[in-house]
Amino acid sequence: MGNVTKRIMLKWNQLWENEEKKNHVKTMMSGINFFFTYKGDLYGGGESSRVTYAKMVDPEDEDHTPGWMKEASFSAVNLYKDLEGQKDQTIFTEKDISEINVITEKDQAEKMLMKKAANG
């Protein structure tokens, strides 16, 4: 195989791998509408997690009582670990709220996952 052929094959393989990563990330993100970072990792949760989090941070919400806050929790998947094939679902409670940084745009979460996928 000549140098030009090797370069073309390498480029093709890189494009193929990038497309596979994009498809994997899109599959991972389906059904997730609540994204946030926590202690350097990216997490994703469903609608019930998003609603529970919103109630936990809104002191004017009717459910936001000391008793409810003590019992309230929601779950989310560590998407960075999911990229590596590890399943890691975490339960978050009132003590975790101050360290959660919500990502409001799904595109931003997707870019973060793609960057992580590219860098390994």
PDB file of N, CA and C in Angstrom:
ATOM      1  N   MET A   1       0.849  -1.180   0.000  1.00  0.00           N
ATOM      2  CA  MET A   1       0.000   0.000   0.000  1.00  0.00           C
ATOM      3  C   MET A   1       0.894   1.244   0.000  1.00  0.00           C
ATOM      4  N   GLY A   2       0.604   2.181  -0.889  1.00  0.00           N
ATOM      5  CA  GLY A   2       1.375   3.411  -0.964  1.00  0.00           C
ATOM      6  C   GLY A   2       0.986   4.385   0.130  1.00  0.00           C
ATOM      7  N   ASN A   3       1.815   5.433   0.273  1.00  0.00           N
ATOM      8  CA  ASN A   3       1.566   6.442   1.311  1.00  0.00           C
ATOM      9  C   ASN A   3       0.219   7.141   1.149  1.00  0.00           C
ATOM     10  N   VAL A   4      -0.142   7.445  -0.088  1.00  0.00           N
ATOM     11  CA  VAL A   4      -1.408   8.130  -0.335  1.00  0.00           C
ATOM     12  C   VAL A   4      -2.573   7.224   0.071  1.00  0.00           C
ATOM     13  N   THR A   5      -2.493   5.972  -0.279  1.00  0.00           N
ATOM     14  CA  THR A   5      -3.545   5.019   0.081  1.00  0.00           C
ATOM     15  C   THR A   5      -3.642   4.891   1.599  1.00  0.00           C
ATOM     16  N   LYS A   6      -2.524   4.817   2.274  1.00  0.00           N
ATOM     17  CA  LYS A   6      -2.524   4.711   3.736  1.00  0.00           C
ATOM     18  C   LYS A   6      -3.183   5.930   4.368  1.00  0.00           C
ATOM     19  N   ARG A   7      -2.858   7.116   3.848  1.00  0.00           N
ATOM     20  CA  ARG A   7      -3.453   8.345   4.394  1.00  0.00           C
ATOM     21  C   ARG A   7      -4.959   8.370   4.169  1.00  0.00           C
ATOM     22  N   ILE A   8      -5.386   7.952   2.982  1.00  0.00           N
ATOM     23  CA  ILE A   8      -6.815   7.929   2.684  1.00  0.00           C
ATOM     24  C   ILE A   8      -7.522   6.930   3.597  1.00  0.00           C
ATOM     25  N   MET A   9      -6.929   5.758   3.782  1.00  0.00           N
ATOM     26  CA  MET A   9      -7.530   4.742   4.649  1.00  0.00           C
ATOM     27  C   MET A   9      -7.595   5.228   6.096  1.00  0.00           C
ATOM     28  N   LEU A  10      -6.538   5.885   6.567  1.00  0.00           N
ATOM     29  CA  LEU A  10      -6.525   6.426   7.921  1.00  0.00           C
ATOM     30  C   LEU A  10      -7.619   7.474   8.083  1.00  0.00           C
ATOM     31  N   LYS A  11      -7.743   8.367   7.113  1.00  0.00           N
ATOM     32  CA  LYS A  11      -8.772   9.411   7.163  1.00  0.00           C
ATOM     33  C   LYS A  11     -10.163   8.771   7.174  1.00  0.00           C
ATOM     34  N   TRP A  12     -10.371   7.762   6.329  1.00  0.00           N
ATOM     35  CA  TRP A  12     -11.655   7.067   6.283  1.00  0.00           C
ATOM     36  C   TRP A  12     -11.977   6.441   7.635  1.00  0.00           C
ATOM     37  N   ASN A  13     -10.996   5.778   8.234  1.00  0.00           N
ATOM     38  CA  ASN A  13     -11.202   5.156   9.542  1.00  0.00           C
ATOM     39  C   ASN A  13     -11.547   6.187  10.608  1.00  0.00           C
ATOM     40  N   GLN A  14     -10.893   7.343  10.579  1.00  0.00           N
ATOM     41  CA  GLN A  14     -11.178   8.402  11.543  1.00  0.00           C
ATOM     42  C   GLN A  14     -12.606   8.926  11.363  1.00  0.00           C
ATOM     43  N   LEU A  15     -13.005   9.128  10.119  1.00  0.00           N
ATOM     44  CA  LEU A  15     -14.367   9.592   9.855  1.00  0.00           C
ATOM     45  C   LEU A  15     -15.388   8.556  10.316  1.00  0.00           C
ATOM     46  N   TRP A  16     -15.115   7.286  10.065  1.00  0.00           N
ATOM     47  CA  TRP A  16     -16.007   6.203  10.485  1.00  0.00           C
ATOM     48  C   TRP A  16     -16.131   6.171  12.013  1.00  0.00           C
ATOM     49  N   GLU A  17     -14.992   6.264  12.709  1.00  0.00           N
ATOM     50  CA  GLU A  17     -15.005   6.265  14.174  1.00  0.00           C
ATOM     51  C   GLU A  17     -15.765   7.459  14.716  1.00  0.00           C
ATOM     52  N   ASN A  18     -15.565   8.640  14.115  1.00  0.00           N
ATOM     53  CA  ASN A  18     -16.285   9.839  14.564  1.00  0.00           C
ATOM     54  C   ASN A  18     -17.796   9.667  14.380  1.00  0.00           C
ATOM     55  N   GLU A  19     -18.196   9.074  13.266  1.00  0.00           N
ATOM     56  CA  GLU A  19     -19.624   8.851  13.014  1.00  0.00           C
ATOM     57  C   GLU A  19     -20.198   7.860  14.021  1.00  0.00           C
ATOM     58  N   GLU A  20     -19.448   6.819  14.345  1.00  0.00           N
ATOM     59  CA  GLU A  20     -19.896   5.856  15.352  1.00  0.00           C
ATOM     60  C   GLU A  20     -20.041   6.523  16.714  1.00  0.00           C
ATOM     61  N   LYS A  21     -19.092   7.412  17.064  1.00  0.00           N
ATOM     62  CA  LYS A  21     -19.170   8.125  18.341  1.00  0.00           C
ATOM     63  C   LYS A  21     -20.397   9.024  18.378  1.00  0.00           C
ATOM     64  N   LYS A  22     -20.659   9.737  17.286  1.00  0.00           N
ATOM     65  CA  LYS A  22     -21.833  10.613  17.229  1.00  0.00           C
ATOM     66  C   LYS A  22     -23.114   9.807  17.422  1.00  0.00           C
ATOM     67  N   ASN A  23     -23.204   8.678  16.744  1.00  0.00           N
ATOM     68  CA  ASN A  23     -24.401   7.835  16.869  1.00  0.00           C
ATOM     69  C   ASN A  23     -24.552   7.312  18.295  1.00  0.00           C
ATOM     70  N   HIS A  24     -23.444   6.917  18.909  1.00  0.00           N
ATOM     71  CA  HIS A  24     -23.491   6.415  20.287  1.00  0.00           C
ATOM     72  C   HIS A  24     -23.966   7.514  21.243  1.00  0.00           C
ATOM     73  N   VAL A  25     -23.436   8.705  21.092  1.00  0.00           N
ATOM     74  CA  VAL A  25     -23.819   9.830  21.953  1.00  0.00           C
ATOM     75  C   VAL A  25     -25.304  10.150  21.771  1.00  0.00           C
ATOM     76  N   LYS A  26     -25.778  10.193  20.526  1.00  0.00           N
ATOM     77  CA  LYS A  26     -27.194  10.488  20.285  1.00  0.00           C
ATOM     78  C   LYS A  26     -28.093   9.413  20.895  1.00  0.00           C
ATOM     79  N   THR A  27     -27.676   8.159  20.801  1.00  0.00           N
ATOM     80  CA  THR A  27     -28.442   7.070  21.407  1.00  0.00           C
ATOM     81  C   THR A  27     -28.474   7.209  22.920  1.00  0.00           C
ATOM     82  N   MET A  28     -27.322   7.533  23.523  1.00  0.00           N
ATOM     83  CA  MET A  28     -27.242   7.715  24.971  1.00  0.00           C
ATOM     84  C   MET A  28     -28.181   8.818  25.445  1.00  0.00           C
ATOM     85  N   MET A  29     -28.310   9.872  24.650  1.00  0.00           N
ATOM     86  CA  MET A  29     -29.052  11.057  25.068  1.00  0.00           C
ATOM     87  C   MET A  29     -30.559  10.944  24.829  1.00  0.00           C
ATOM     88  N   SER A  30     -30.988   9.920  24.114  1.00  0.00           N
ATOM     89  CA  SER A  30     -32.427   9.809  23.848  1.00  0.00           C
ATOM     90  C   SER A  30     -33.159   9.521  25.158  1.00  0.00           C
ATOM     91  N   GLY A  31     -34.252  10.204  25.348  1.00  0.00           N
ATOM     92  CA  GLY A  31     -35.037  10.029  26.564  1.00  0.00           C
ATOM     93  C   GLY A  31     -34.539  10.845  27.750  1.00  0.00           C
ATOM     94  N   ILE A  32     -33.470  11.582  27.551  1.00  0.00           N
ATOM     95  CA  ILE A  32     -32.918  12.416  28.627  1.00  0.00           C
ATOM     96  C   ILE A  32     -33.220  13.875  28.308  1.00  0.00           C
ATOM     97  N   ASN A  33     -33.777  14.599  29.281  1.00  0.00           N
ATOM     98  CA  ASN A  33     -34.072  16.015  29.044  1.00  0.00           C
ATOM     99  C   ASN A  33     -33.587  16.913  30.181  1.00  0.00           C
ATOM    100  N   PHE A  34     -32.781  16.355  31.071  1.00  0.00           N
ATOM    101  CA  PHE A  34     -32.243  17.117  32.202  1.00  0.00           C
ATOM    102  C   PHE A  34     -30.756  16.786  32.304  1.00  0.00           C
ATOM    103  N   PHE A  35     -29.938  17.787  32.023  1.00  0.00           N
ATOM    104  CA  PHE A  35     -28.487  17.596  32.020  1.00  0.00           C
ATOM    105  C   PHE A  35     -27.847  18.524  33.041  1.00  0.00           C
ATOM    106  N   PHE A  36     -26.817  18.020  33.706  1.00  0.00           N
ATOM    107  CA  PHE A  36     -26.097  18.843  34.669  1.00  0.00           C
ATOM    108  C   PHE A  36     -24.725  18.248  34.940  1.00  0.00           C
ATOM    109  N   THR A  37     -23.856  19.108  35.458  1.00  0.00           N
ATOM    110  CA  THR A  37     -22.555  18.619  35.902  1.00  0.00           C
ATOM    111  C   THR A  37     -22.566  18.553  37.425  1.00  0.00           C
ATOM    112  N   TYR A  38     -21.798  17.602  37.910  1.00  0.00           N
ATOM    113  CA  TYR A  38     -21.665  17.399  39.352  1.00  0.00           C
ATOM    114  C   TYR A  38     -20.289  16.796  39.581  1.00  0.00           C
ATOM    115  N   LYS A  39     -19.467  17.522  40.326  1.00  0.00           N
ATOM    116  CA  LYS A  39     -18.115  17.073  40.650  1.00  0.00           C
ATOM    117  C   LYS A  39     -17.328  16.643  39.405  1.00  0.00           C
ATOM    118  N   GLY A  40     -17.445  17.444  38.351  1.00  0.00           N
ATOM    119  CA  GLY A  40     -16.651  17.228  37.142  1.00  0.00           C
ATOM    120  C   GLY A  40     -17.218  16.244  36.136  1.00  0.00           C
ATOM    121  N   ASP A  41     -18.318  15.596  36.454  1.00  0.00           N
ATOM    122  CA  ASP A  41     -18.925  14.648  35.529  1.00  0.00           C
ATOM    123  C   ASP A  41     -20.238  15.198  34.991  1.00  0.00           C
ATOM    124  N   LEU A  42     -20.634  14.688  33.838  1.00  0.00           N
ATOM    125  CA  LEU A  42     -21.882  15.085  33.197  1.00  0.00           C
ATOM    126  C   LEU A  42     -22.940  14.023  33.483  1.00  0.00           C
ATOM    127  N   TYR A  43     -24.089  14.467  33.963  1.00  0.00           N
ATOM    128  CA  TYR A  43     -25.185  13.566  34.303  1.00  0.00           C
ATOM    129  C   TYR A  43     -26.414  13.900  33.462  1.00  0.00           C
ATOM    130  N   GLY A  44     -27.276  12.904  33.307  1.00  0.00           N
ATOM    131  CA  GLY A  44     -28.528  13.107  32.604  1.00  0.00           C
ATOM    132  C   GLY A  44     -29.647  12.361  33.295  1.00  0.00           C
ATOM    133  N   GLY A  45     -30.820  12.989  33.319  1.00  0.00           N
ATOM    134  CA  GLY A  45     -31.988  12.377  33.941  1.00  0.00           C
ATOM    135  C   GLY A  45     -33.238  12.640  33.119  1.00  0.00           C
ATOM    136  N   GLY A  46     -34.283  11.940  33.465  1.00  0.00           N
ATOM    137  CA  GLY A  46     -35.560  12.086  32.773  1.00  0.00           C
ATOM    138  C   GLY A  46     -36.413  13.197  33.356  1.00  0.00           C
ATOM    139  N   GLU A  47     -37.647  13.233  32.889  1.00  0.00           N
ATOM    140  CA  GLU A  47     -38.574  14.293  33.284  1.00  0.00           C
ATOM    141  C   GLU A  47     -38.837  14.322  34.786  1.00  0.00           C
ATOM    142  N   SER A  48     -39.001  13.180  35.409  1.00  0.00           N
ATOM    143  CA  SER A  48     -39.288  13.178  36.852  1.00  0.00           C
ATOM    144  C   SER A  48     -38.100  13.726  37.644  1.00  0.00           C
ATOM    145  N   SER A  49     -36.890  13.459  37.192  1.00  0.00           N
ATOM    146  CA  SER A  49     -35.708  14.022  37.868  1.00  0.00           C
ATOM    147  C   SER A  49     -35.661  15.532  37.702  1.00  0.00           C
ATOM    148  N   ARG A  50     -35.982  15.992  36.499  1.00  0.00           N
ATOM    149  CA  ARG A  50     -35.974  17.440  36.223  1.00  0.00           C
ATOM    150  C   ARG A  50     -36.990  18.150  37.107  1.00  0.00           C
ATOM    151  N   VAL A  51     -38.187  17.589  37.215  1.00  0.00           N
ATOM    152  CA  VAL A  51     -39.248  18.211  38.016  1.00  0.00           C
ATOM    153  C   VAL A  51     -38.868  18.211  39.503  1.00  0.00           C
ATOM    154  N   THR A  52     -38.361  17.091  39.995  1.00  0.00           N
ATOM    155  CA  THR A  52     -37.972  17.019  41.406  1.00  0.00           C
ATOM    156  C   THR A  52     -36.868  18.021  41.711  1.00  0.00           C
ATOM    157  N   TYR A  53     -35.861  18.112  40.839  1.00  0.00           N
ATOM    158  CA  TYR A  53     -34.789  19.092  41.044  1.00  0.00           C
ATOM    159  C   TYR A  53     -35.375  20.510  41.096  1.00  0.00           C
ATOM    160  N   ALA A  54     -36.251  20.826  40.160  1.00  0.00           N
ATOM    161  CA  ALA A  54     -36.846  22.173  40.110  1.00  0.00           C
ATOM    162  C   ALA A  54     -37.581  22.490  41.406  1.00  0.00           C
ATOM    163  N   LYS A  55     -38.316  21.525  41.932  1.00  0.00           N
ATOM    164  CA  LYS A  55     -39.035  21.738  43.195  1.00  0.00           C
ATOM    165  C   LYS A  55     -38.059  21.911  44.360  1.00  0.00           C
ATOM    166  N   MET A  56     -36.933  21.189  44.299  1.00  0.00           N
ATOM    167  CA  MET A  56     -35.957  21.267  45.388  1.00  0.00           C
ATOM    168  C   MET A  56     -35.262  22.626  45.453  1.00  0.00           C
ATOM    169  N   VAL A  57     -35.108  23.274  44.308  1.00  0.00           N
ATOM    170  CA  VAL A  57     -34.408  24.562  44.305  1.00  0.00           C
ATOM    171  C   VAL A  57     -35.344  25.765  44.348  1.00  0.00           C
ATOM    172  N   ASP A  58     -36.639  25.517  44.341  1.00  0.00           N
ATOM    173  CA  ASP A  58     -37.612  26.605  44.371  1.00  0.00           C
ATOM    174  C   ASP A  58     -38.270  26.677  45.751  1.00  0.00           C
ATOM    175  N   PRO A  59     -37.797  27.578  46.610  1.00  0.00           N
ATOM    176  CA  PRO A  59     -38.358  27.665  47.963  1.00  0.00           C
ATOM    177  C   PRO A  59     -39.834  28.074  47.983  1.00  0.00           C
ATOM    178  N   GLU A  60     -40.357  28.589  46.880  1.00  0.00           N
ATOM    179  CA  GLU A  60     -41.764  28.981  46.830  1.00  0.00           C
ATOM    180  C   GLU A  60     -42.675  27.863  46.332  1.00  0.00           C
ATOM    181  N   ASP A  61     -42.093  26.731  45.926  1.00  0.00           N
ATOM    182  CA  ASP A  61     -42.908  25.610  45.473  1.00  0.00           C
ATOM    183  C   ASP A  61     -43.691  25.044  46.657  1.00  0.00           C
ATOM    184  N   GLU A  62     -44.936  24.654  46.415  1.00  0.00           N
ATOM    185  CA  GLU A  62     -45.798  24.161  47.505  1.00  0.00           C
ATOM    186  C   GLU A  62     -45.246  22.909  48.174  1.00  0.00           C
ATOM    187  N   ASP A  63     -44.469  22.105  47.458  1.00  0.00           N
ATOM    188  CA  ASP A  63     -43.884  20.893  48.043  1.00  0.00           C
ATOM    189  C   ASP A  63     -42.609  21.169  48.828  1.00  0.00           C
ATOM    190  N   HIS A  64     -42.065  22.345  48.679  1.00  0.00           N
ATOM    191  CA  HIS A  64     -40.771  22.682  49.288  1.00  0.00           C
ATOM    192  C   HIS A  64     -40.943  22.950  50.792  1.00  0.00           C
ATOM    193  N   THR A  65     -41.122  21.866  51.522  1.00  0.00           N
ATOM    194  CA  THR A  65     -41.236  21.959  52.982  1.00  0.00           C
ATOM    195  C   THR A  65     -40.046  21.227  53.595  1.00  0.00           C
ATOM    196  N   PRO A  66     -39.686  21.521  54.823  1.00  0.00           N
ATOM    197  CA  PRO A  66     -38.539  20.826  55.439  1.00  0.00           C
ATOM    198  C   PRO A  66     -38.679  19.303  55.398  1.00  0.00           C
ATOM    199  N   GLY A  67     -39.875  18.808  55.660  1.00  0.00           N
ATOM    200  CA  GLY A  67     -40.085  17.357  55.636  1.00  0.00           C
ATOM    201  C   GLY A  67     -39.906  16.772  54.246  1.00  0.00           C
ATOM    202  N   TRP A  68     -40.488  17.453  53.250  1.00  0.00           N
ATOM    203  CA  TRP A  68     -40.362  16.985  51.870  1.00  0.00           C
ATOM    204  C   TRP A  68     -38.920  17.049  51.406  1.00  0.00           C
ATOM    205  N   MET A  69     -38.229  18.139  51.718  1.00  0.00           N
ATOM    206  CA  MET A  69     -36.834  18.300  51.306  1.00  0.00           C
ATOM    207  C   MET A  69     -35.956  17.192  51.886  1.00  0.00           C
ATOM    208  N   LYS A  70     -36.256  16.795  53.104  1.00  0.00           N
ATOM    209  CA  LYS A  70     -35.471  15.746  53.743  1.00  0.00           C
ATOM    210  C   LYS A  70     -35.621  14.416  53.004  1.00  0.00           C
ATOM    211  N   GLU A  71     -36.802  14.182  52.451  1.00  0.00           N
ATOM    212  CA  GLU A  71     -37.093  12.915  51.766  1.00  0.00           C
ATOM    213  C   GLU A  71     -36.865  12.977  50.251  1.00  0.00           C
ATOM    214  N   ALA A  72     -36.816  14.173  49.686  1.00  0.00           N
ATOM    215  CA  ALA A  72     -36.748  14.326  48.231  1.00  0.00           C
ATOM    216  C   ALA A  72     -35.425  13.809  47.668  1.00  0.00           C
ATOM    217  N   SER A  73     -35.537  13.171  46.507  1.00  0.00           N
ATOM    218  CA  SER A  73     -34.344  12.715  45.790  1.00  0.00           C
ATOM    219  C   SER A  73     -34.705  12.500  44.318  1.00  0.00           C
ATOM    220  N   PHE A  74     -33.690  12.463  43.495  1.00  0.00           N
ATOM    221  CA  PHE A  74     -33.880  12.136  42.087  1.00  0.00           C
ATOM    222  C   PHE A  74     -32.638  11.395  41.606  1.00  0.00           C
ATOM    223  N   SER A  75     -32.800  10.668  40.524  1.00  0.00           N
ATOM    224  CA  SER A  75     -31.678   9.889  40.007  1.00  0.00           C
ATOM    225  C   SER A  75     -31.241  10.418  38.648  1.00  0.00           C
ATOM    226  N   ALA A  76     -29.984  10.153  38.342  1.00  0.00           N
ATOM    227  CA  ALA A  76     -29.429  10.529  37.042  1.00  0.00           C
ATOM    228  C   ALA A  76     -28.277   9.588  36.708  1.00  0.00           C
ATOM    229  N   VAL A  77     -28.018   9.449  35.425  1.00  0.00           N
ATOM    230  CA  VAL A  77     -26.953   8.578  34.932  1.00  0.00           C
ATOM    231  C   VAL A  77     -25.704   9.417  34.671  1.00  0.00           C
ATOM    232  N   ASN A  78     -24.559   8.908  35.091  1.00  0.00           N
ATOM    233  CA  ASN A  78     -23.287   9.544  34.786  1.00  0.00           C
ATOM    234  C   ASN A  78     -22.975   9.245  33.320  1.00  0.00           C
ATOM    235  N   LEU A  79     -23.141  10.243  32.470  1.00  0.00           N
ATOM    236  CA  LEU A  79     -22.995  10.047  31.028  1.00  0.00           C
ATOM    237  C   LEU A  79     -21.538   9.832  30.624  1.00  0.00           C
ATOM    238  N   TYR A  80     -20.601  10.404  31.351  1.00  0.00           N
ATOM    239  CA  TYR A  80     -19.190  10.164  31.033  1.00  0.00           C
ATOM    240  C   TYR A  80     -18.833   8.701  31.267  1.00  0.00           C
ATOM    241  N   LYS A  81     -19.316   8.143  32.348  1.00  0.00           N
ATOM    242  CA  LYS A  81     -19.048   6.722  32.609  1.00  0.00           C
ATOM    243  C   LYS A  81     -19.790   5.835  31.622  1.00  0.00           C
ATOM    244  N   ASP A  82     -20.978   6.270  31.224  1.00  0.00           N
ATOM    245  CA  ASP A  82     -21.748   5.511  30.239  1.00  0.00           C
ATOM    246  C   ASP A  82     -20.989   5.432  28.913  1.00  0.00           C
ATOM    247  N   LEU A  83     -20.282   6.495  28.556  1.00  0.00           N
ATOM    248  CA  LEU A  83     -19.451   6.483  27.351  1.00  0.00           C
ATOM    249  C   LEU A  83     -18.427   5.350  27.393  1.00  0.00           C
ATOM    250  N   GLU A  84     -17.942   5.058  28.586  1.00  0.00           N
ATOM    251  CA  GLU A  84     -16.924   4.025  28.768  1.00  0.00           C
ATOM    252  C   GLU A  84     -17.542   2.644  28.976  1.00  0.00           C
ATOM    253  N   GLY A  85     -18.864   2.550  28.857  1.00  0.00           N
ATOM    254  CA  GLY A  85     -19.533   1.272  29.019  1.00  0.00           C
ATOM    255  C   GLY A  85     -19.868   0.917  30.452  1.00  0.00           C
ATOM    256  N   GLN A  86     -19.677   1.861  31.371  1.00  0.00           N
ATOM    257  CA  GLN A  86     -20.005   1.632  32.780  1.00  0.00           C
ATOM    258  C   GLN A  86     -21.376   2.233  33.077  1.00  0.00           C
ATOM    259  N   LYS A  87     -22.212   1.463  33.720  1.00  0.00           N
ATOM    260  CA  LYS A  87     -23.521   1.979  34.126  1.00  0.00           C
ATOM    261  C   LYS A  87     -23.402   2.513  35.544  1.00  0.00           C
ATOM    262  N   ASP A  88     -23.694   3.790  35.714  1.00  0.00           N
ATOM    263  CA  ASP A  88     -23.573   4.424  37.028  1.00  0.00           C
ATOM    264  C   ASP A  88     -24.749   5.368  37.224  1.00  0.00           C
ATOM    265  N   GLN A  89     -25.754   4.909  37.921  1.00  0.00           N
ATOM    266  CA  GLN A  89     -26.903   5.745  38.244  1.00  0.00           C
ATOM    267  C   GLN A  89     -26.743   6.213  39.684  1.00  0.00           C
ATOM    268  N   THR A  90     -26.878   7.509  39.891  1.00  0.00           N
ATOM    269  CA  THR A  90     -26.658   8.120  41.195  1.00  0.00           C
ATOM    270  C   THR A  90     -27.952   8.745  41.706  1.00  0.00           C
ATOM    271  N   ILE A  91     -28.169   8.632  42.997  1.00  0.00           N
ATOM    272  CA  ILE A  91     -29.311   9.281  43.650  1.00  0.00           C
ATOM    273  C   ILE A  91     -28.804  10.582  44.271  1.00  0.00           C
ATOM    274  N   PHE A  92     -29.475  11.688  43.948  1.00  0.00           N
ATOM    275  CA  PHE A  92     -29.102  13.003  44.457  1.00  0.00           C
ATOM    276  C   PHE A  92     -30.142  13.466  45.477  1.00  0.00           C
ATOM    277  N   THR A  93     -29.650  14.095  46.530  1.00  0.00           N
ATOM    278  CA  THR A  93     -30.520  14.590  47.593  1.00  0.00           C
ATOM    279  C   THR A  93     -30.212  16.061  47.847  1.00  0.00           C
ATOM    280  N   GLU A  94     -30.866  16.608  48.860  1.00  0.00           N
ATOM    281  CA  GLU A  94     -30.704  18.020  49.208  1.00  0.00           C
ATOM    282  C   GLU A  94     -29.233  18.401  49.421  1.00  0.00           C
ATOM    283  N   LYS A  95     -28.455  17.506  50.001  1.00  0.00           N
ATOM    284  CA  LYS A  95     -27.048  17.825  50.277  1.00  0.00           C
ATOM    285  C   LYS A  95     -26.219  18.017  49.000  1.00  0.00           C
ATOM    286  N   ASP A  96     -26.694  17.504  47.866  1.00  0.00           N
ATOM    287  CA  ASP A  96     -25.954  17.594  46.601  1.00  0.00           C
ATOM    288  C   ASP A  96     -26.307  18.831  45.778  1.00  0.00           C
ATOM    289  N   ILE A  97     -27.425  19.448  46.070  1.00  0.00           N
ATOM    290  CA  ILE A  97     -27.980  20.513  45.230  1.00  0.00           C
ATOM    291  C   ILE A  97     -26.990  21.648  44.962  1.00  0.00           C
ATOM    292  N   SER A  98     -26.244  22.065  45.961  1.00  0.00           N
ATOM    293  CA  SER A  98     -25.357  23.218  45.791  1.00  0.00           C
ATOM    294  C   SER A  98     -24.208  22.950  44.815  1.00  0.00           C
ATOM    295  N   GLU A  99     -23.909  21.682  44.544  1.00  0.00           N
ATOM    296  CA  GLU A  99     -22.810  21.344  43.637  1.00  0.00           C
ATOM    297  C   GLU A  99     -23.287  20.981  42.231  1.00  0.00           C
ATOM    298  N   ILE A 100     -24.579  21.081  41.995  1.00  0.00           N
ATOM    299  CA  ILE A 100     -25.150  20.756  40.685  1.00  0.00           C
ATOM    300  C   ILE A 100     -25.209  22.016  39.834  1.00  0.00           C
ATOM    301  N   ASN A 101     -24.682  21.916  38.623  1.00  0.00           N
ATOM    302  CA  ASN A 101     -24.731  23.019  37.660  1.00  0.00           C
ATOM    303  C   ASN A 101     -25.546  22.556  36.458  1.00  0.00           C
ATOM    304  N   VAL A 102     -26.738  23.111  36.314  1.00  0.00           N
ATOM    305  CA  VAL A 102     -27.656  22.695  35.261  1.00  0.00           C
ATOM    306  C   VAL A 102     -27.173  23.193  33.909  1.00  0.00           C
ATOM    307  N   ILE A 103     -27.305  22.325  32.920  1.00  0.00           N
ATOM    308  CA  ILE A 103     -27.019  22.662  31.524  1.00  0.00           C
ATOM    309  C   ILE A 103     -28.368  22.780  30.833  1.00  0.00           C
ATOM    310  N   THR A 104     -28.681  23.977  30.373  1.00  0.00           N
ATOM    311  CA  THR A 104     -30.025  24.232  29.848  1.00  0.00           C
ATOM    312  C   THR A 104     -30.183  23.840  28.382  1.00  0.00           C
ATOM    313  N   GLU A 105     -29.094  23.698  27.668  1.00  0.00           N
ATOM    314  CA  GLU A 105     -29.170  23.367  26.244  1.00  0.00           C
ATOM    315  C   GLU A 105     -28.675  21.945  25.995  1.00  0.00           C
ATOM    316  N   LYS A 106     -29.518  21.127  25.395  1.00  0.00           N
ATOM    317  CA  LYS A 106     -29.147  19.750  25.075  1.00  0.00           C
ATOM    318  C   LYS A 106     -27.923  19.709  24.160  1.00  0.00           C
ATOM    319  N   ASP A 107     -27.838  20.685  23.239  1.00  0.00           N
ATOM    320  CA  ASP A 107     -26.695  20.751  22.324  1.00  0.00           C
ATOM    321  C   ASP A 107     -25.380  20.902  23.086  1.00  0.00           C
ATOM    322  N   GLN A 108     -25.398  21.689  24.154  1.00  0.00           N
ATOM    323  CA  GLN A 108     -24.186  21.878  24.949  1.00  0.00           C
ATOM    324  C   GLN A 108     -23.777  20.559  25.604  1.00  0.00           C
ATOM    325  N   ALA A 109     -24.738  19.825  26.132  1.00  0.00           N
ATOM    326  CA  ALA A 109     -24.437  18.521  26.741  1.00  0.00           C
ATOM    327  C   ALA A 109     -23.883  17.570  25.686  1.00  0.00           C
ATOM    328  N   GLU A 110     -24.457  17.599  24.497  1.00  0.00           N
ATOM    329  CA  GLU A 110     -23.979  16.735  23.415  1.00  0.00           C
ATOM    330  C   GLU A 110     -22.534  17.086  23.040  1.00  0.00           C
ATOM    331  N   LYS A 111     -22.225  18.369  22.967  1.00  0.00           N
ATOM    332  CA  LYS A 111     -20.847  18.797  22.660  1.00  0.00           C
ATOM    333  C   LYS A 111     -19.880  18.319  23.745  1.00  0.00           C
ATOM    334  N   MET A 112     -20.311  18.402  24.986  1.00  0.00           N
ATOM    335  CA  MET A 112     -19.450  17.935  26.081  1.00  0.00           C
ATOM    336  C   MET A 112     -19.185  16.435  25.970  1.00  0.00           C
ATOM    337  N   LEU A 113     -20.215  15.674  25.611  1.00  0.00           N
ATOM    338  CA  LEU A 113     -20.045  14.232  25.453  1.00  0.00           C
ATOM    339  C   LEU A 113     -19.159  13.911  24.255  1.00  0.00           C
ATOM    340  N   MET A 114     -19.335  14.630  23.168  1.00  0.00           N
ATOM    341  CA  MET A 114     -18.510  14.390  21.972  1.00  0.00           C
ATOM    342  C   MET A 114     -17.041  14.711  22.262  1.00  0.00           C
ATOM    343  N   LYS A 115     -16.806  15.774  22.998  1.00  0.00           N
ATOM    344  CA  LYS A 115     -15.430  16.123  23.357  1.00  0.00           C
ATOM    345  C   LYS A 115     -14.818  15.030  24.225  1.00  0.00           C
ATOM    346  N   LYS A 116     -15.589  14.537  25.195  1.00  0.00           N
ATOM    347  CA  LYS A 116     -15.117  13.469  26.061  1.00  0.00           C
ATOM    348  C   LYS A 116     -14.854  12.194  25.249  1.00  0.00           C
ATOM    349  N   ALA A 117     -15.740  11.893  24.303  1.00  0.00           N
ATOM    350  CA  ALA A 117     -15.577  10.707  23.463  1.00  0.00           C
ATOM    351  C   ALA A 117     -14.314  10.812  22.610  1.00  0.00           C
ATOM    352  N   ALA A 118     -14.048  12.013  22.097  1.00  0.00           N
ATOM    353  CA  ALA A 118     -12.873  12.211  21.253  1.00  0.00           C
ATOM    354  C   ALA A 118     -11.572  12.113  22.035  1.00  0.00           C
ATOM    355  N   ASN A 119     -11.617  12.558  23.289  1.00  0.00           N
ATOM    356  CA  ASN A 119     -10.397  12.566  24.112  1.00  0.00           C
ATOM    357  C   ASN A 119     -10.215  11.281  24.926  1.00  0.00           C
ATOM    358  N   GLY A 120     -11.223  10.440  24.904  1.00  0.00           N
ATOM    359  CA  GLY A 120     -11.118   9.157  25.624  1.00  0.00           C
ATOM    360  C   GLY A 120     -11.298   9.223  27.076  1.00  0.00           C
TER     361      GLY A 120
END
